[in-house]
Amino acid sequence: MSFLVQVIVLLAVFGAVSLIAKLAGAESLGTALGFGQIAFVLALMVLLMRR
């Protein structure tokens, strides 16, 4: 998987999880972005472990 594809996947995961958290009732945007950061790190770990 190319570097560009990996970056796009990471950004998509961050955005999607943040949006889902906000729509699911996260108290503030900061809370939703916190969930997005956690998902970003988990996706990054998966991508790194696949190499």
PDB file of N, CA and C in Angstrom:
ATOM      1  N   MET A   1       0.855  -1.166   0.000  1.00  0.00           N
ATOM      2  CA  MET A   1       0.000   0.000   0.000  1.00  0.00           C
ATOM      3  C   MET A   1       0.904   1.233   0.000  1.00  0.00           C
ATOM      4  N   SER A   2       0.632   2.166  -0.886  1.00  0.00           N
ATOM      5  CA  SER A   2       1.488   3.340  -1.005  1.00  0.00           C
ATOM      6  C   SER A   2       1.275   4.303   0.168  1.00  0.00           C
ATOM      7  N   PHE A   3       2.247   5.168   0.345  1.00  0.00           N
ATOM      8  CA  PHE A   3       2.199   6.137   1.436  1.00  0.00           C
ATOM      9  C   PHE A   3       0.970   7.034   1.324  1.00  0.00           C
ATOM     10  N   LEU A   4       0.649   7.470   0.114  1.00  0.00           N
ATOM     11  CA  LEU A   4      -0.504   8.355  -0.079  1.00  0.00           C
ATOM     12  C   LEU A   4      -1.809   7.670   0.313  1.00  0.00           C
ATOM     13  N   VAL A   5      -1.942   6.416  -0.039  1.00  0.00           N
ATOM     14  CA  VAL A   5      -3.146   5.659   0.324  1.00  0.00           C
ATOM     15  C   VAL A   5      -3.245   5.516   1.835  1.00  0.00           C
ATOM     16  N   GLN A   6      -2.130   5.272   2.490  1.00  0.00           N
ATOM     17  CA  GLN A   6      -2.125   5.139   3.945  1.00  0.00           C
ATOM     18  C   GLN A   6      -2.542   6.440   4.617  1.00  0.00           C
ATOM     19  N   VAL A   7      -2.058   7.574   4.115  1.00  0.00           N
ATOM     20  CA  VAL A   7      -2.442   8.878   4.680  1.00  0.00           C
ATOM     21  C   VAL A   7      -3.933   9.124   4.490  1.00  0.00           C
ATOM     22  N   ILE A   8      -4.444   8.787   3.324  1.00  0.00           N
ATOM     23  CA  ILE A   8      -5.875   8.970   3.053  1.00  0.00           C
ATOM     24  C   ILE A   8      -6.717   8.096   3.977  1.00  0.00           C
ATOM     25  N   VAL A   9      -6.282   6.859   4.203  1.00  0.00           N
ATOM     26  CA  VAL A   9      -7.006   5.953   5.106  1.00  0.00           C
ATOM     27  C   VAL A   9      -7.018   6.523   6.523  1.00  0.00           C
ATOM     28  N   LEU A  10      -5.870   7.011   6.990  1.00  0.00           N
ATOM     29  CA  LEU A  10      -5.795   7.568   8.345  1.00  0.00           C
ATOM     30  C   LEU A  10      -6.700   8.785   8.503  1.00  0.00           C
ATOM     31  N   LEU A  11      -6.682   9.673   7.518  1.00  0.00           N
ATOM     32  CA  LEU A  11      -7.541  10.864   7.595  1.00  0.00           C
ATOM     33  C   LEU A  11      -9.022  10.498   7.520  1.00  0.00           C
ATOM     34  N   ALA A  12      -9.345   9.495   6.702  1.00  0.00           N
ATOM     35  CA  ALA A  12     -10.736   9.062   6.591  1.00  0.00           C
ATOM     36  C   ALA A  12     -11.217   8.448   7.907  1.00  0.00           C
ATOM     37  N   VAL A  13     -10.375   7.657   8.546  1.00  0.00           N
ATOM     38  CA  VAL A  13     -10.737   7.060   9.835  1.00  0.00           C
ATOM     39  C   VAL A  13     -10.962   8.150  10.871  1.00  0.00           C
ATOM     40  N   PHE A  14     -10.044   9.108  10.927  1.00  0.00           N
ATOM     41  CA  PHE A  14     -10.183  10.205  11.890  1.00  0.00           C
ATOM     42  C   PHE A  14     -11.487  10.971  11.668  1.00  0.00           C
ATOM     43  N   GLY A  15     -11.747  11.338  10.425  1.00  0.00           N
ATOM     44  CA  GLY A  15     -12.950  12.107  10.119  1.00  0.00           C
ATOM     45  C   GLY A  15     -14.230  11.332  10.367  1.00  0.00           C
ATOM     46  N   ALA A  16     -14.244  10.074   9.961  1.00  0.00           N
ATOM     47  CA  ALA A  16     -15.455   9.267  10.114  1.00  0.00           C
ATOM     48  C   ALA A  16     -15.785   9.019  11.577  1.00  0.00           C
ATOM     49  N   VAL A  17     -14.788   8.660  12.363  1.00  0.00           N
ATOM     50  CA  VAL A  17     -15.044   8.387  13.780  1.00  0.00           C
ATOM     51  C   VAL A  17     -15.441   9.665  14.513  1.00  0.00           C
ATOM     52  N   SER A  18     -14.805  10.775  14.169  1.00  0.00           N
ATOM     53  CA  SER A  18     -15.177  12.047  14.803  1.00  0.00           C
ATOM     54  C   SER A  18     -16.620  12.414  14.479  1.00  0.00           C
ATOM     55  N   LEU A  19     -16.996  12.234  13.221  1.00  0.00           N
ATOM     56  CA  LEU A  19     -18.375  12.541  12.811  1.00  0.00           C
ATOM     57  C   LEU A  19     -19.375  11.621  13.498  1.00  0.00           C
ATOM     58  N   ILE A  20     -19.063  10.340  13.553  1.00  0.00           N
ATOM     59  CA  ILE A  20     -19.961   9.385  14.213  1.00  0.00           C
ATOM     60  C   ILE A  20     -20.106   9.717  15.690  1.00  0.00           C
ATOM     61  N   ALA A  21     -18.992  10.069  16.334  1.00  0.00           N
ATOM     62  CA  ALA A  21     -19.047  10.416  17.761  1.00  0.00           C
ATOM     63  C   ALA A  21     -19.907  11.658  17.978  1.00  0.00           C
ATOM     64  N   LYS A  22     -19.748  12.648  17.109  1.00  0.00           N
ATOM     65  CA  LYS A  22     -20.536  13.877  17.259  1.00  0.00           C
ATOM     66  C   LYS A  22     -22.030  13.594  17.030  1.00  0.00           C
ATOM     67  N   LEU A  23     -22.326  12.800  16.010  1.00  0.00           N
ATOM     68  CA  LEU A  23     -23.724  12.475  15.725  1.00  0.00           C
ATOM     69  C   LEU A  23     -24.327  11.566  16.796  1.00  0.00           C
ATOM     70  N   ALA A  24     -23.482  10.786  17.463  1.00  0.00           N
ATOM     71  CA  ALA A  24     -23.970   9.879  18.510  1.00  0.00           C
ATOM     72  C   ALA A  24     -24.195  10.608  19.827  1.00  0.00           C
ATOM     73  N   GLY A  25     -23.854  11.887  19.861  1.00  0.00           N
ATOM     74  CA  GLY A  25     -24.179  12.654  21.051  1.00  0.00           C
ATOM     75  C   GLY A  25     -22.999  13.055  21.906  1.00  0.00           C
ATOM     76  N   ALA A  26     -21.811  13.126  21.326  1.00  0.00           N
ATOM     77  CA  ALA A  26     -20.661  13.598  22.100  1.00  0.00           C
ATOM     78  C   ALA A  26     -20.968  14.998  22.615  1.00  0.00           C
ATOM     79  N   GLU A  27     -20.574  15.258  23.836  1.00  0.00           N
ATOM     80  CA  GLU A  27     -20.960  16.497  24.492  1.00  0.00           C
ATOM     81  C   GLU A  27     -20.413  17.745  23.804  1.00  0.00           C
ATOM     82  N   SER A  28     -19.223  17.623  23.235  1.00  0.00           N
ATOM     83  CA  SER A  28     -18.635  18.767  22.538  1.00  0.00           C
ATOM     84  C   SER A  28     -17.807  18.258  21.372  1.00  0.00           C
ATOM     85  N   LEU A  29     -17.385  19.190  20.531  1.00  0.00           N
ATOM     86  CA  LEU A  29     -16.547  18.828  19.391  1.00  0.00           C
ATOM     87  C   LEU A  29     -15.204  18.292  19.873  1.00  0.00           C
ATOM     88  N   GLY A  30     -14.710  18.809  20.981  1.00  0.00           N
ATOM     89  CA  GLY A  30     -13.453  18.331  21.532  1.00  0.00           C
ATOM     90  C   GLY A  30     -13.514  16.873  21.932  1.00  0.00           C
ATOM     91  N   THR A  31     -14.625  16.472  22.493  1.00  0.00           N
ATOM     92  CA  THR A  31     -14.810  15.065  22.863  1.00  0.00           C
ATOM     93  C   THR A  31     -14.849  14.192  21.618  1.00  0.00           C
ATOM     94  N   ALA A  32     -15.568  14.636  20.604  1.00  0.00           N
ATOM     95  CA  ALA A  32     -15.650  13.876  19.354  1.00  0.00           C
ATOM     96  C   ALA A  32     -14.275  13.765  18.703  1.00  0.00           C
ATOM     97  N   LEU A  33     -13.507  14.842  18.717  1.00  0.00           N
ATOM     98  CA  LEU A  33     -12.169  14.803  18.135  1.00  0.00           C
ATOM     99  C   LEU A  33     -11.237  13.911  18.947  1.00  0.00           C
ATOM    100  N   GLY A  34     -11.462  13.829  20.244  1.00  0.00           N
ATOM    101  CA  GLY A  34     -10.684  12.909  21.076  1.00  0.00           C
ATOM    102  C   GLY A  34     -10.897  11.470  20.659  1.00  0.00           C
ATOM    103  N   PHE A  35     -12.141  11.101  20.380  1.00  0.00           N
ATOM    104  CA  PHE A  35     -12.415   9.757  19.874  1.00  0.00           C
ATOM    105  C   PHE A  35     -11.769   9.558  18.506  1.00  0.00           C
ATOM    106  N   GLY A  36     -11.782  10.601  17.693  1.00  0.00           N
ATOM    107  CA  GLY A  36     -11.126  10.528  16.390  1.00  0.00           C
ATOM    108  C   GLY A  36      -9.634  10.292  16.517  1.00  0.00           C
ATOM    109  N   GLN A  37      -9.008  10.930  17.496  1.00  0.00           N
ATOM    110  CA  GLN A  37      -7.576  10.737  17.716  1.00  0.00           C
ATOM    111  C   GLN A  37      -7.267   9.309  18.150  1.00  0.00           C
ATOM    112  N   ILE A  38      -8.106   8.756  19.008  1.00  0.00           N
ATOM    113  CA  ILE A  38      -7.901   7.377  19.448  1.00  0.00           C
ATOM    114  C   ILE A  38      -8.008   6.424  18.254  1.00  0.00           C
ATOM    115  N   ALA A  39      -9.012   6.631  17.414  1.00  0.00           N
ATOM    116  CA  ALA A  39      -9.178   5.780  16.234  1.00  0.00           C
ATOM    117  C   ALA A  39      -8.014   5.964  15.265  1.00  0.00           C
ATOM    118  N   PHE A  40      -7.514   7.189  15.128  1.00  0.00           N
ATOM    119  CA  PHE A  40      -6.366   7.469  14.263  1.00  0.00           C
ATOM    120  C   PHE A  40      -5.152   6.666  14.714  1.00  0.00           C
ATOM    121  N   VAL A  41      -4.880   6.693  16.006  1.00  0.00           N
ATOM    122  CA  VAL A  41      -3.719   5.969  16.533  1.00  0.00           C
ATOM    123  C   VAL A  41      -3.887   4.469  16.350  1.00  0.00           C
ATOM    124  N   LEU A  42      -5.086   3.946  16.589  1.00  0.00           N
ATOM    125  CA  LEU A  42      -5.319   2.514  16.382  1.00  0.00           C
ATOM    126  C   LEU A  42      -5.127   2.129  14.914  1.00  0.00           C
ATOM    127  N   ALA A  43      -5.636   2.950  13.994  1.00  0.00           N
ATOM    128  CA  ALA A  43      -5.452   2.675  12.562  1.00  0.00           C
ATOM    129  C   ALA A  43      -3.982   2.775  12.176  1.00  0.00           C
ATOM    130  N   LEU A  44      -3.268   3.731  12.752  1.00  0.00           N
ATOM    131  CA  LEU A  44      -1.838   3.872  12.484  1.00  0.00           C
ATOM    132  C   LEU A  44      -1.084   2.632  12.958  1.00  0.00           C
ATOM    133  N   MET A  45      -1.440   2.122  14.123  1.00  0.00           N
ATOM    134  CA  MET A  45      -0.798   0.917  14.634  1.00  0.00           C
ATOM    135  C   MET A  45      -1.049  -0.272  13.707  1.00  0.00           C
ATOM    136  N   VAL A  46      -2.261  -0.385  13.204  1.00  0.00           N
ATOM    137  CA  VAL A  46      -2.578  -1.478  12.280  1.00  0.00           C
ATOM    138  C   VAL A  46      -1.744  -1.352  11.008  1.00  0.00           C
ATOM    139  N   LEU A  47      -1.640  -0.148  10.469  1.00  0.00           N
ATOM    140  CA  LEU A  47      -0.857   0.052   9.250  1.00  0.00           C
ATOM    141  C   LEU A  47       0.617  -0.225   9.479  1.00  0.00           C
ATOM    142  N   LEU A  48       1.134   0.170  10.630  1.00  0.00           N
ATOM    143  CA  LEU A  48       2.537  -0.068  10.922  1.00  0.00           C
ATOM    144  C   LEU A  48       2.822  -1.550  11.135  1.00  0.00           C
ATOM    145  N   MET A  49       1.904  -2.258  11.751  1.00  0.00           N
ATOM    146  CA  MET A  49       2.117  -3.672  12.019  1.00  0.00           C
ATOM    147  C   MET A  49       2.032  -4.515  10.739  1.00  0.00           C
ATOM    148  N   ARG A  50       1.341  -4.016   9.730  1.00  0.00           N
ATOM    149  CA  ARG A  50       1.204  -4.744   8.470  1.00  0.00           C
ATOM    150  C   ARG A  50       2.479  -4.682   7.634  1.00  0.00           C
ATOM    151  N   ARG A  51       3.349  -3.721   7.919  1.00  0.00           N
ATOM    152  CA  ARG A  51       4.586  -3.565   7.134  1.00  0.00           C
ATOM    153  C   ARG A  51       5.571  -4.626   7.445  1.00  0.00           C
TER     154      ARG A  51
END
